[in-house]
Amino acid sequence: AGHELRTPLSALLMQVQSLARSAKVVDPRLKDRLEKAAAAGARLEKLISQILDVSRLNAGRLALDRERMHLDAVVREVMDRFADLATESRCPILLRLEPVEGVWDRVRLEQVITNLVGNAIKYGKGKPVEVETLLDGSDAVLRVVDHGIGIAPEDHKRIFDRFERARGTREYGGFGLGLWISRSIVEAIGGVITVRSTPGEGSTFTVTLPLRAKEADAAKQS
């Protein structure tokens, strides 16, 4: 079902994006409309992916494809994809990446990083976003910090539930699934995700992932 939903939408998005590039030298108004159509298509594509993830999580079918990797390298790759959005949003991304090696699922880890950094830019009020990796004993730590609107204390636990969002964020759009999916992925890997936040001052999301425990699991499954 996922393939049947994604394939025609991806093809449509490619056509719209191609037309938008061609329209740049023909009609600026047409280019603007095509870019809006492409943005709407991208949002729909993201929603489909989230709905499919919800289905997998509900059925207990979130498969993990573990491999050895460097967390800092994965973060750099994801940040490259955010370069244009960060510039447009006036949210410079500051990296403090300590080399950290472990065994995780690359695609799912990229999904968590994308969700956290995307939220940081969305709610960051045009201020810097900080992304850090470090080694803490036998754990890898990923930390994403923004200096935006912040989250009220009573919402700190609720935002990780399905279809839940912090109060005062309705105007920003979204479906209340990203953090729930991120928490589910992190817990499936064997880690923990937490938040510290003060309204008006920003938020710090911390992901802690085990290094050795999942290496042992991966060895048993191979």
N, C-alpha and C. Protein backbone atom coordinates (compact mmCIF):
# COMPACT_ATOMS: atom_id res chain seq x y z
N ALA A 1 0.83 -1.20 0.00
CA ALA A 1 0.00 0.00 0.00
C ALA A 1 0.87 1.25 0.00
N GLY A 2 1.97 1.21 0.78
CA GLY A 2 2.85 2.36 0.84
C GLY A 2 3.44 2.70 -0.52
N HIS A 3 3.88 1.66 -1.24
CA HIS A 3 4.45 1.86 -2.57
C HIS A 3 3.41 2.44 -3.53
N GLU A 4 2.18 1.93 -3.44
CA GLU A 4 1.12 2.40 -4.33
C GLU A 4 0.76 3.85 -4.07
N LEU A 5 0.92 4.31 -2.83
CA LEU A 5 0.64 5.70 -2.50
C LEU A 5 1.79 6.62 -2.88
N ARG A 6 3.01 6.18 -2.59
CA ARG A 6 4.17 7.06 -2.75
C ARG A 6 4.59 7.23 -4.21
N THR A 7 4.56 6.16 -5.00
CA THR A 7 5.11 6.22 -6.35
C THR A 7 4.43 7.26 -7.23
N PRO A 8 3.09 7.26 -7.34
CA PRO A 8 2.47 8.29 -8.19
C PRO A 8 2.66 9.70 -7.65
N LEU A 9 2.67 9.86 -6.33
CA LEU A 9 2.87 11.19 -5.75
C LEU A 9 4.29 11.69 -6.02
N SER A 10 5.27 10.81 -5.88
CA SER A 10 6.66 11.20 -6.16
C SER A 10 6.83 11.61 -7.61
N ALA A 11 6.20 10.86 -8.51
CA ALA A 11 6.28 11.20 -9.94
C ALA A 11 5.63 12.55 -10.21
N LEU A 12 4.49 12.81 -9.58
CA LEU A 12 3.80 14.09 -9.75
C LEU A 12 4.65 15.24 -9.22
N LEU A 13 5.28 15.04 -8.07
CA LEU A 13 6.13 16.08 -7.49
C LEU A 13 7.31 16.41 -8.40
N MET A 14 7.91 15.38 -8.98
CA MET A 14 9.04 15.60 -9.88
C MET A 14 8.62 16.43 -11.09
N GLN A 15 7.43 16.15 -11.62
CA GLN A 15 6.93 16.90 -12.77
C GLN A 15 6.66 18.35 -12.41
N VAL A 16 6.03 18.58 -11.25
CA VAL A 16 5.72 19.95 -10.82
C VAL A 16 7.00 20.73 -10.58
N GLN A 17 7.98 20.10 -9.93
CA GLN A 17 9.25 20.78 -9.65
C GLN A 17 9.98 21.11 -10.94
N SER A 18 9.92 20.20 -11.91
CA SER A 18 10.55 20.45 -13.21
C SER A 18 9.88 21.61 -13.93
N LEU A 19 8.55 21.66 -13.87
CA LEU A 19 7.82 22.76 -14.49
C LEU A 19 8.14 24.09 -13.82
N ALA A 20 8.30 24.06 -12.48
CA ALA A 20 8.62 25.29 -11.74
C ALA A 20 9.97 25.84 -12.17
N ARG A 21 10.94 24.95 -12.39
CA ARG A 21 12.26 25.40 -12.84
C ARG A 21 12.18 26.00 -14.24
N SER A 22 11.37 25.38 -15.11
CA SER A 22 11.23 25.88 -16.48
C SER A 22 10.49 27.21 -16.51
N ALA A 23 9.51 27.36 -15.62
CA ALA A 23 8.69 28.57 -15.61
C ALA A 23 9.45 29.78 -15.10
N LYS A 24 10.60 29.57 -14.49
CA LYS A 24 11.38 30.67 -13.91
C LYS A 24 11.70 31.74 -14.95
N VAL A 25 11.99 31.31 -16.17
CA VAL A 25 12.37 32.27 -17.21
C VAL A 25 11.19 32.64 -18.10
N VAL A 26 10.01 32.08 -17.82
CA VAL A 26 8.84 32.33 -18.66
C VAL A 26 7.83 33.24 -17.98
N ASP A 27 7.37 32.83 -16.81
CA ASP A 27 6.31 33.58 -16.12
C ASP A 27 6.51 33.45 -14.61
N PRO A 28 6.97 34.49 -13.95
CA PRO A 28 7.20 34.43 -12.49
C PRO A 28 5.95 34.05 -11.71
N ARG A 29 4.78 34.49 -12.16
CA ARG A 29 3.54 34.16 -11.44
C ARG A 29 3.25 32.67 -11.53
N LEU A 30 3.48 32.09 -12.71
CA LEU A 30 3.29 30.65 -12.88
C LEU A 30 4.28 29.88 -12.01
N LYS A 31 5.51 30.37 -11.96
CA LYS A 31 6.53 29.72 -11.13
C LYS A 31 6.09 29.71 -9.67
N ASP A 32 5.54 30.83 -9.19
CA ASP A 32 5.10 30.91 -7.79
C ASP A 32 3.99 29.90 -7.51
N ARG A 33 3.05 29.77 -8.43
CA ARG A 33 1.95 28.82 -8.24
C ARG A 33 2.45 27.38 -8.25
N LEU A 34 3.39 27.10 -9.14
CA LEU A 34 3.93 25.74 -9.21
C LEU A 34 4.73 25.40 -7.95
N GLU A 35 5.46 26.39 -7.42
CA GLU A 35 6.22 26.16 -6.19
C GLU A 35 5.28 25.89 -5.02
N LYS A 36 4.15 26.60 -4.98
CA LYS A 36 3.17 26.35 -3.92
C LYS A 36 2.56 24.95 -4.07
N ALA A 37 2.31 24.54 -5.32
CA ALA A 37 1.79 23.19 -5.56
C ALA A 37 2.80 22.14 -5.13
N ALA A 38 4.08 22.39 -5.42
CA ALA A 38 5.13 21.45 -5.02
C ALA A 38 5.23 21.36 -3.50
N ALA A 39 5.10 22.50 -2.82
CA ALA A 39 5.16 22.51 -1.35
C ALA A 39 3.99 21.73 -0.76
N ALA A 40 2.80 21.91 -1.36
CA ALA A 40 1.63 21.17 -0.88
C ALA A 40 1.81 19.67 -1.10
N GLY A 41 2.39 19.31 -2.25
CA GLY A 41 2.66 17.91 -2.52
C GLY A 41 3.66 17.32 -1.56
N ALA A 42 4.68 18.10 -1.19
CA ALA A 42 5.68 17.63 -0.24
C ALA A 42 5.06 17.40 1.13
N ARG A 43 4.14 18.28 1.53
CA ARG A 43 3.45 18.09 2.81
C ARG A 43 2.60 16.83 2.79
N LEU A 44 1.94 16.58 1.65
CA LEU A 44 1.13 15.37 1.51
C LEU A 44 2.01 14.13 1.56
N GLU A 45 3.17 14.20 0.92
CA GLU A 45 4.10 13.07 0.94
C GLU A 45 4.56 12.77 2.36
N LYS A 46 4.83 13.83 3.13
CA LYS A 46 5.24 13.65 4.53
C LYS A 46 4.12 13.03 5.35
N LEU A 47 2.88 13.49 5.11
CA LEU A 47 1.74 12.95 5.85
C LEU A 47 1.56 11.47 5.55
N ILE A 48 1.69 11.08 4.28
CA ILE A 48 1.56 9.67 3.91
C ILE A 48 2.62 8.83 4.63
N SER A 49 3.85 9.33 4.67
CA SER A 49 4.92 8.61 5.36
C SER A 49 4.61 8.45 6.84
N GLN A 50 4.08 9.51 7.46
CA GLN A 50 3.74 9.45 8.88
C GLN A 50 2.60 8.46 9.13
N ILE A 51 1.59 8.48 8.27
CA ILE A 51 0.46 7.56 8.44
C ILE A 51 0.93 6.11 8.30
N LEU A 52 1.82 5.86 7.35
CA LEU A 52 2.36 4.50 7.19
C LEU A 52 3.17 4.09 8.41
N ASP A 53 3.93 5.03 8.97
CA ASP A 53 4.69 4.72 10.18
C ASP A 53 3.76 4.42 11.35
N VAL A 54 2.67 5.18 11.47
CA VAL A 54 1.69 4.93 12.53
C VAL A 54 1.14 3.51 12.39
N SER A 55 0.83 3.13 11.15
CA SER A 55 0.31 1.79 10.90
C SER A 55 1.31 0.71 11.32
N ARG A 56 2.58 0.91 10.96
CA ARG A 56 3.61 -0.07 11.32
C ARG A 56 3.79 -0.15 12.83
N LEU A 57 3.80 1.01 13.48
CA LEU A 57 4.00 1.03 14.93
C LEU A 57 2.83 0.37 15.65
N ASN A 58 1.62 0.64 15.19
CA ASN A 58 0.44 0.03 15.81
C ASN A 58 0.45 -1.48 15.66
N ALA A 59 1.00 -1.95 14.54
CA ALA A 59 1.04 -3.39 14.28
C ALA A 59 2.30 -4.04 14.82
N GLY A 60 3.19 -3.23 15.41
CA GLY A 60 4.44 -3.77 15.93
C GLY A 60 5.37 -4.24 14.83
N ARG A 61 5.31 -3.58 13.66
CA ARG A 61 6.09 -4.02 12.50
C ARG A 61 7.15 -3.00 12.09
N LEU A 62 7.68 -2.25 13.05
CA LEU A 62 8.73 -1.29 12.72
C LEU A 62 10.07 -2.02 12.70
N ALA A 63 10.44 -2.50 11.51
CA ALA A 63 11.68 -3.27 11.38
C ALA A 63 12.89 -2.34 11.46
N LEU A 64 13.95 -2.82 12.09
CA LEU A 64 15.19 -2.05 12.21
C LEU A 64 16.29 -2.75 11.42
N ASP A 65 16.97 -1.99 10.59
CA ASP A 65 18.08 -2.50 9.78
C ASP A 65 19.36 -1.91 10.36
N ARG A 66 19.96 -2.61 11.30
CA ARG A 66 21.10 -2.06 12.04
C ARG A 66 22.40 -2.20 11.26
N GLU A 67 23.23 -1.18 11.39
CA GLU A 67 24.57 -1.20 10.79
C GLU A 67 25.47 -0.27 11.60
N ARG A 68 26.76 -0.49 11.49
CA ARG A 68 27.72 0.36 12.19
C ARG A 68 27.84 1.70 11.46
N MET A 69 27.85 2.78 12.22
CA MET A 69 27.93 4.11 11.61
C MET A 69 28.43 5.11 12.63
N HIS A 70 28.77 6.31 12.15
CA HIS A 70 29.14 7.43 13.01
C HIS A 70 27.95 8.38 13.10
N LEU A 71 27.47 8.60 14.32
CA LEU A 71 26.32 9.49 14.52
C LEU A 71 26.61 10.89 13.99
N ASP A 72 27.82 11.38 14.22
CA ASP A 72 28.17 12.73 13.77
C ASP A 72 28.12 12.85 12.25
N ALA A 73 28.51 11.78 11.54
CA ALA A 73 28.47 11.80 10.07
C ALA A 73 27.02 11.81 9.57
N VAL A 74 26.16 11.04 10.24
CA VAL A 74 24.75 11.02 9.86
C VAL A 74 24.13 12.40 10.06
N VAL A 75 24.47 13.05 11.17
CA VAL A 75 23.96 14.40 11.43
C VAL A 75 24.40 15.36 10.33
N ARG A 76 25.67 15.30 9.94
CA ARG A 76 26.16 16.20 8.88
C ARG A 76 25.39 16.00 7.58
N GLU A 77 25.12 14.75 7.23
CA GLU A 77 24.38 14.47 6.00
C GLU A 77 22.98 15.07 6.05
N VAL A 78 22.31 14.91 7.19
CA VAL A 78 20.96 15.45 7.32
C VAL A 78 21.00 16.98 7.30
N MET A 79 22.00 17.58 7.94
CA MET A 79 22.08 19.04 7.98
C MET A 79 22.29 19.64 6.59
N ASP A 80 22.98 18.91 5.72
CA ASP A 80 23.16 19.39 4.35
C ASP A 80 21.80 19.59 3.66
N ARG A 81 20.85 18.74 3.99
CA ARG A 81 19.52 18.84 3.37
C ARG A 81 18.73 20.02 3.92
N PHE A 82 19.11 20.50 5.10
CA PHE A 82 18.41 21.62 5.72
C PHE A 82 19.02 22.97 5.36
N ALA A 83 20.08 22.98 4.57
CA ALA A 83 20.80 24.23 4.31
C ALA A 83 19.90 25.32 3.74
N ASP A 84 19.11 24.99 2.73
CA ASP A 84 18.25 26.00 2.10
C ASP A 84 17.16 26.48 3.05
N LEU A 85 16.51 25.53 3.75
CA LEU A 85 15.43 25.90 4.67
C LEU A 85 15.97 26.76 5.81
N ALA A 86 17.13 26.41 6.33
CA ALA A 86 17.72 27.19 7.43
C ALA A 86 18.02 28.62 6.98
N THR A 87 18.50 28.76 5.74
CA THR A 87 18.78 30.10 5.21
C THR A 87 17.50 30.90 5.03
N GLU A 88 16.48 30.26 4.44
CA GLU A 88 15.20 30.94 4.23
C GLU A 88 14.56 31.34 5.56
N SER A 89 14.72 30.51 6.59
CA SER A 89 14.11 30.76 7.89
C SER A 89 14.97 31.63 8.79
N ARG A 90 16.16 32.00 8.30
CA ARG A 90 17.12 32.80 9.08
C ARG A 90 17.44 32.12 10.41
N CYS A 91 17.61 30.81 10.34
CA CYS A 91 17.99 30.01 11.51
C CYS A 91 19.32 29.32 11.22
N PRO A 92 20.44 29.99 11.44
CA PRO A 92 21.72 29.32 11.21
C PRO A 92 21.86 28.09 12.09
N ILE A 93 22.41 27.02 11.53
CA ILE A 93 22.59 25.78 12.28
C ILE A 93 24.04 25.70 12.75
N LEU A 94 24.21 25.62 14.05
CA LEU A 94 25.54 25.54 14.66
C LEU A 94 25.80 24.10 15.08
N LEU A 95 26.88 23.53 14.57
CA LEU A 95 27.19 22.12 14.84
C LEU A 95 28.35 21.99 15.83
N ARG A 96 28.16 21.13 16.81
CA ARG A 96 29.23 20.74 17.73
C ARG A 96 29.22 19.21 17.76
N LEU A 97 29.98 18.61 16.87
CA LEU A 97 29.87 17.18 16.64
C LEU A 97 31.12 16.44 17.08
N GLU A 98 30.98 15.71 18.16
CA GLU A 98 32.05 14.82 18.62
C GLU A 98 31.87 13.47 17.93
N PRO A 99 32.94 12.87 17.41
CA PRO A 99 32.80 11.56 16.75
C PRO A 99 32.23 10.52 17.71
N VAL A 100 31.14 9.87 17.28
CA VAL A 100 30.51 8.83 18.09
C VAL A 100 30.11 7.69 17.16
N GLU A 101 30.59 6.49 17.45
CA GLU A 101 30.32 5.33 16.60
C GLU A 101 29.44 4.34 17.34
N GLY A 102 28.47 3.76 16.63
CA GLY A 102 27.60 2.76 17.23
C GLY A 102 26.87 1.99 16.15
N VAL A 103 25.93 1.14 16.58
CA VAL A 103 25.15 0.31 15.66
C VAL A 103 23.68 0.69 15.80
N TRP A 104 23.15 1.31 14.74
CA TRP A 104 21.76 1.75 14.75
C TRP A 104 21.16 1.57 13.36
N ASP A 105 19.91 1.96 13.21
CA ASP A 105 19.23 1.96 11.92
C ASP A 105 19.40 3.35 11.30
N ARG A 106 20.14 3.44 10.21
CA ARG A 106 20.47 4.74 9.62
C ARG A 106 19.22 5.50 9.18
N VAL A 107 18.33 4.84 8.45
CA VAL A 107 17.15 5.53 7.92
C VAL A 107 16.28 6.06 9.06
N ARG A 108 16.06 5.24 10.08
CA ARG A 108 15.22 5.67 11.20
C ARG A 108 15.90 6.76 12.02
N LEU A 109 17.22 6.66 12.16
CA LEU A 109 17.96 7.69 12.88
C LEU A 109 17.88 9.02 12.13
N GLU A 110 18.01 8.97 10.81
CA GLU A 110 17.86 10.19 10.00
C GLU A 110 16.47 10.79 10.19
N GLN A 111 15.47 9.93 10.31
CA GLN A 111 14.10 10.39 10.50
C GLN A 111 13.95 11.16 11.81
N VAL A 112 14.55 10.64 12.87
CA VAL A 112 14.50 11.32 14.17
C VAL A 112 15.20 12.68 14.10
N ILE A 113 16.40 12.70 13.52
CA ILE A 113 17.16 13.95 13.40
C ILE A 113 16.37 14.97 12.58
N THR A 114 15.78 14.51 11.48
CA THR A 114 15.00 15.39 10.62
C THR A 114 13.81 15.99 11.36
N ASN A 115 13.11 15.16 12.13
CA ASN A 115 11.96 15.66 12.89
C ASN A 115 12.38 16.72 13.91
N LEU A 116 13.45 16.44 14.64
CA LEU A 116 13.87 17.36 15.71
C LEU A 116 14.40 18.68 15.14
N VAL A 117 15.23 18.59 14.11
CA VAL A 117 15.79 19.82 13.53
C VAL A 117 14.71 20.60 12.79
N GLY A 118 13.81 19.89 12.10
CA GLY A 118 12.71 20.56 11.42
C GLY A 118 11.84 21.35 12.40
N ASN A 119 11.55 20.75 13.55
CA ASN A 119 10.78 21.46 14.58
C ASN A 119 11.55 22.65 15.13
N ALA A 120 12.86 22.47 15.34
CA ALA A 120 13.67 23.56 15.89
C ALA A 120 13.66 24.77 14.96
N ILE A 121 13.73 24.53 13.66
CA ILE A 121 13.67 25.63 12.69
C ILE A 121 12.28 26.24 12.66
N LYS A 122 11.25 25.38 12.69
CA LYS A 122 9.87 25.87 12.62
C LYS A 122 9.53 26.79 13.79
N TYR A 123 9.94 26.38 14.99
CA TYR A 123 9.58 27.14 16.19
C TYR A 123 10.72 28.03 16.68
N GLY A 124 11.78 28.16 15.87
CA GLY A 124 12.99 28.83 16.33
C GLY A 124 13.01 30.34 16.23
N LYS A 125 11.98 30.95 15.67
CA LYS A 125 11.89 32.42 15.63
C LYS A 125 13.09 33.08 14.96
N GLY A 126 13.66 32.44 13.96
CA GLY A 126 14.78 33.05 13.24
C GLY A 126 16.07 33.12 14.03
N LYS A 127 16.18 32.32 15.07
CA LYS A 127 17.39 32.31 15.89
C LYS A 127 18.19 31.04 15.62
N PRO A 128 19.45 31.01 16.04
CA PRO A 128 20.29 29.83 15.75
C PRO A 128 19.73 28.54 16.33
N VAL A 129 19.98 27.45 15.62
CA VAL A 129 19.66 26.11 16.08
C VAL A 129 20.98 25.38 16.31
N GLU A 130 21.12 24.78 17.46
CA GLU A 130 22.36 24.09 17.81
C GLU A 130 22.14 22.58 17.79
N VAL A 131 23.05 21.87 17.14
CA VAL A 131 22.98 20.41 17.08
C VAL A 131 24.31 19.85 17.58
N GLU A 132 24.22 18.95 18.54
CA GLU A 132 25.43 18.44 19.19
C GLU A 132 25.39 16.92 19.26
N THR A 133 26.53 16.28 19.07
CA THR A 133 26.68 14.86 19.35
C THR A 133 27.86 14.69 20.31
N LEU A 134 27.73 13.73 21.21
CA LEU A 134 28.82 13.47 22.15
C LEU A 134 28.72 12.06 22.69
N LEU A 135 29.81 11.60 23.25
CA LEU A 135 29.87 10.28 23.86
C LEU A 135 29.76 10.45 25.37
N ASP A 136 28.82 9.73 25.98
CA ASP A 136 28.62 9.79 27.43
C ASP A 136 28.69 8.37 27.98
N GLY A 137 29.88 7.94 28.34
CA GLY A 137 30.06 6.57 28.82
C GLY A 137 29.78 5.57 27.72
N SER A 138 28.78 4.71 27.92
CA SER A 138 28.42 3.71 26.92
C SER A 138 27.24 4.16 26.07
N ASP A 139 26.94 5.46 26.10
CA ASP A 139 25.81 5.99 25.34
C ASP A 139 26.26 7.07 24.36
N ALA A 140 25.54 7.15 23.25
CA ALA A 140 25.68 8.27 22.33
C ALA A 140 24.59 9.27 22.65
N VAL A 141 24.92 10.55 22.58
CA VAL A 141 23.94 11.60 22.89
C VAL A 141 23.82 12.54 21.70
N LEU A 142 22.58 12.77 21.30
CA LEU A 142 22.25 13.76 20.27
C LEU A 142 21.41 14.84 20.94
N ARG A 143 21.81 16.09 20.76
CA ARG A 143 21.09 17.19 21.40
C ARG A 143 20.75 18.25 20.36
N VAL A 144 19.48 18.67 20.32
CA VAL A 144 19.02 19.71 19.39
C VAL A 144 18.42 20.84 20.22
N VAL A 145 18.98 22.03 20.05
CA VAL A 145 18.58 23.19 20.87
C VAL A 145 18.06 24.31 19.97
N ASP A 146 16.90 24.86 20.32
CA ASP A 146 16.44 26.07 19.64
C ASP A 146 16.20 27.15 20.68
N HIS A 147 16.03 28.38 20.22
CA HIS A 147 15.82 29.52 21.11
C HIS A 147 14.52 30.22 20.75
N GLY A 148 13.50 29.39 20.48
CA GLY A 148 12.24 29.91 20.00
C GLY A 148 11.16 30.04 21.06
N ILE A 149 9.94 29.61 20.70
CA ILE A 149 8.77 29.89 21.54
C ILE A 149 8.73 29.07 22.81
N GLY A 150 9.42 27.93 22.84
CA GLY A 150 9.43 27.11 24.04
C GLY A 150 8.15 26.32 24.25
N ILE A 151 8.15 25.48 25.28
CA ILE A 151 7.02 24.59 25.57
C ILE A 151 6.69 24.69 27.05
N ALA A 152 5.42 24.83 27.36
CA ALA A 152 4.99 24.93 28.76
C ALA A 152 5.28 23.62 29.49
N PRO A 153 5.62 23.68 30.79
CA PRO A 153 5.96 22.47 31.55
C PRO A 153 4.88 21.39 31.49
N GLU A 154 3.61 21.79 31.50
CA GLU A 154 2.53 20.80 31.49
C GLU A 154 2.42 20.05 30.17
N ASP A 155 3.12 20.54 29.13
CA ASP A 155 3.08 19.89 27.82
C ASP A 155 4.29 19.00 27.55
N HIS A 156 5.26 18.98 28.44
CA HIS A 156 6.52 18.28 28.17
C HIS A 156 6.32 16.79 27.90
N LYS A 157 5.42 16.15 28.62
CA LYS A 157 5.16 14.72 28.38
C LYS A 157 4.16 14.52 27.25
N ARG A 158 3.17 15.38 27.19
CA ARG A 158 2.07 15.21 26.24
C ARG A 158 2.51 15.30 24.79
N ILE A 159 3.53 16.12 24.49
CA ILE A 159 3.93 16.31 23.10
C ILE A 159 4.50 15.04 22.46
N PHE A 160 4.86 14.06 23.28
CA PHE A 160 5.38 12.80 22.74
C PHE A 160 4.27 11.78 22.49
N ASP A 161 3.02 12.16 22.76
CA ASP A 161 1.89 11.27 22.50
C ASP A 161 1.38 11.47 21.08
N ARG A 162 0.67 10.49 20.59
CA ARG A 162 0.16 10.54 19.21
C ARG A 162 -0.92 11.61 19.06
N PHE A 163 -0.81 12.39 17.98
CA PHE A 163 -1.75 13.45 17.63
C PHE A 163 -1.82 14.56 18.69
N GLU A 164 -0.75 14.70 19.46
CA GLU A 164 -0.72 15.75 20.48
C GLU A 164 0.31 16.81 20.10
N ARG A 165 -0.02 18.06 20.42
CA ARG A 165 0.89 19.17 20.16
C ARG A 165 0.87 20.12 21.34
N ALA A 166 1.94 20.89 21.48
CA ALA A 166 2.00 21.86 22.58
C ALA A 166 0.96 22.95 22.37
N ARG A 167 0.46 23.49 23.45
CA ARG A 167 -0.49 24.59 23.36
C ARG A 167 0.17 25.80 22.70
N GLY A 168 -0.60 26.49 21.87
CA GLY A 168 -0.08 27.69 21.22
C GLY A 168 0.71 27.44 19.95
N THR A 169 0.66 26.19 19.42
CA THR A 169 1.43 25.90 18.20
C THR A 169 0.53 25.61 17.00
N ARG A 170 -0.77 25.76 17.15
CA ARG A 170 -1.70 25.44 16.07
C ARG A 170 -1.39 26.23 14.80
N GLU A 171 -0.97 27.47 14.96
CA GLU A 171 -0.73 28.32 13.79
C GLU A 171 0.45 27.85 12.95
N TYR A 172 1.27 26.95 13.50
CA TYR A 172 2.46 26.50 12.79
C TYR A 172 2.19 25.30 11.89
N GLY A 173 1.00 24.72 11.96
CA GLY A 173 0.70 23.56 11.14
C GLY A 173 1.31 22.29 11.71
N GLY A 174 0.96 21.16 11.10
CA GLY A 174 1.47 19.87 11.57
C GLY A 174 0.34 18.98 12.05
N PHE A 175 0.69 17.71 12.30
CA PHE A 175 -0.34 16.72 12.63
C PHE A 175 -0.15 16.09 14.01
N GLY A 176 0.87 16.50 14.74
CA GLY A 176 1.08 15.94 16.07
C GLY A 176 1.58 14.51 16.04
N LEU A 177 2.33 14.14 14.99
CA LEU A 177 2.83 12.77 14.86
C LEU A 177 4.35 12.68 14.94
N GLY A 178 5.05 13.75 14.56
CA GLY A 178 6.50 13.69 14.44
C GLY A 178 7.22 13.27 15.71
N LEU A 179 6.87 13.87 16.84
CA LEU A 179 7.56 13.54 18.09
C LEU A 179 7.16 12.17 18.61
N TRP A 180 5.91 11.79 18.38
CA TRP A 180 5.48 10.44 18.79
C TRP A 180 6.24 9.38 17.99
N ILE A 181 6.35 9.59 16.68
CA ILE A 181 7.11 8.66 15.85
C ILE A 181 8.57 8.64 16.26
N SER A 182 9.14 9.82 16.53
CA SER A 182 10.54 9.90 16.96
C SER A 182 10.75 9.14 18.26
N ARG A 183 9.85 9.34 19.22
CA ARG A 183 9.98 8.63 20.50
C ARG A 183 9.89 7.13 20.29
N SER A 184 8.96 6.69 19.43
CA SER A 184 8.79 5.26 19.18
C SER A 184 10.04 4.66 18.53
N ILE A 185 10.64 5.39 17.60
CA ILE A 185 11.87 4.91 16.95
C ILE A 185 13.01 4.82 17.96
N VAL A 186 13.19 5.88 18.74
CA VAL A 186 14.27 5.91 19.72
C VAL A 186 14.12 4.77 20.72
N GLU A 187 12.90 4.53 21.19
CA GLU A 187 12.67 3.45 22.15
C GLU A 187 12.88 2.09 21.51
N ALA A 188 12.51 1.95 20.22
CA ALA A 188 12.74 0.68 19.52
C ALA A 188 14.23 0.38 19.40
N ILE A 189 15.03 1.43 19.23
CA ILE A 189 16.48 1.28 19.15
C ILE A 189 17.07 0.96 20.52
N GLY A 190 16.31 1.29 21.57
CA GLY A 190 16.78 1.04 22.94
C GLY A 190 17.18 2.29 23.67
N GLY A 191 16.79 3.45 23.14
CA GLY A 191 17.19 4.72 23.73
C GLY A 191 16.07 5.46 24.41
N VAL A 192 16.35 6.72 24.73
CA VAL A 192 15.40 7.59 25.44
C VAL A 192 15.46 8.97 24.81
N ILE A 193 14.30 9.63 24.71
CA ILE A 193 14.25 11.01 24.24
C ILE A 193 13.56 11.86 25.30
N THR A 194 14.15 13.01 25.61
CA THR A 194 13.61 13.90 26.64
C THR A 194 13.62 15.34 26.14
N VAL A 195 12.90 16.21 26.86
CA VAL A 195 12.88 17.63 26.50
C VAL A 195 13.02 18.47 27.76
N ARG A 196 13.76 19.56 27.64
CA ARG A 196 13.80 20.63 28.64
C ARG A 196 13.41 21.91 27.92
N SER A 197 12.48 22.66 28.48
CA SER A 197 12.02 23.84 27.77
C SER A 197 11.38 24.84 28.71
N THR A 198 11.54 26.11 28.35
CA THR A 198 10.91 27.21 29.07
C THR A 198 10.20 28.09 28.06
N PRO A 199 8.92 28.39 28.26
CA PRO A 199 8.20 29.24 27.31
C PRO A 199 8.92 30.56 27.07
N GLY A 200 9.08 30.90 25.79
CA GLY A 200 9.73 32.14 25.42
C GLY A 200 11.24 32.07 25.36
N GLU A 201 11.82 30.94 25.78
CA GLU A 201 13.29 30.83 25.81
C GLU A 201 13.83 29.72 24.91
N GLY A 202 12.98 28.80 24.47
CA GLY A 202 13.44 27.75 23.59
C GLY A 202 13.35 26.37 24.21
N SER A 203 13.83 25.37 23.46
CA SER A 203 13.71 23.98 23.88
C SER A 203 15.00 23.22 23.58
N THR A 204 15.26 22.22 24.41
CA THR A 204 16.39 21.31 24.20
C THR A 204 15.87 19.88 24.19
N PHE A 205 16.00 19.22 23.05
CA PHE A 205 15.62 17.81 22.94
C PHE A 205 16.90 16.97 22.98
N THR A 206 16.90 15.96 23.84
CA THR A 206 18.07 15.11 24.01
C THR A 206 17.69 13.66 23.72
N VAL A 207 18.44 13.05 22.81
CA VAL A 207 18.27 11.63 22.48
C VAL A 207 19.49 10.88 22.99
N THR A 208 19.26 9.87 23.81
CA THR A 208 20.34 9.04 24.34
C THR A 208 20.20 7.63 23.77
N LEU A 209 21.25 7.16 23.10
CA LEU A 209 21.22 5.86 22.43
C LEU A 209 22.33 4.97 22.96
N PRO A 210 22.03 3.70 23.24
CA PRO A 210 23.08 2.79 23.71
C PRO A 210 24.03 2.42 22.58
N LEU A 211 25.29 2.21 22.92
CA LEU A 211 26.28 1.79 21.93
C LEU A 211 26.39 0.27 21.84
N ARG A 212 26.56 -0.38 22.98
CA ARG A 212 26.91 -1.80 22.98
C ARG A 212 25.70 -2.72 22.98
N ALA A 213 24.63 -2.34 23.66
CA ALA A 213 23.48 -3.24 23.78
C ALA A 213 22.94 -3.63 22.42
N LYS A 214 22.81 -2.65 21.53
CA LYS A 214 22.25 -2.95 20.23
C LYS A 214 23.26 -3.65 19.33
N GLU A 215 24.54 -3.46 19.59
CA GLU A 215 25.54 -4.22 18.85
C GLU A 215 25.36 -5.71 19.14
N ALA A 216 25.09 -6.04 20.42
CA ALA A 216 24.89 -7.43 20.78
C ALA A 216 23.64 -7.98 20.12
N ASP A 217 22.57 -7.18 20.11
CA ASP A 217 21.32 -7.61 19.47
C ASP A 217 21.54 -7.86 17.99
N ALA A 218 22.30 -6.96 17.35
CA ALA A 218 22.55 -7.10 15.91
C ALA A 218 23.34 -8.37 15.63
N ALA A 219 24.29 -8.70 16.51
CA ALA A 219 25.09 -9.90 16.32
C ALA A 219 24.23 -11.15 16.43
N LYS A 220 23.26 -11.13 17.37
CA LYS A 220 22.39 -12.28 17.55
C LYS A 220 21.50 -12.50 16.33
N GLN A 221 21.10 -11.40 15.67
CA GLN A 221 20.18 -11.51 14.55
C GLN A 221 20.88 -11.83 13.25
N SER A 222 22.20 -11.65 13.19
CA SER A 222 22.94 -11.89 11.94
C SER A 222 23.28 -13.36 11.77
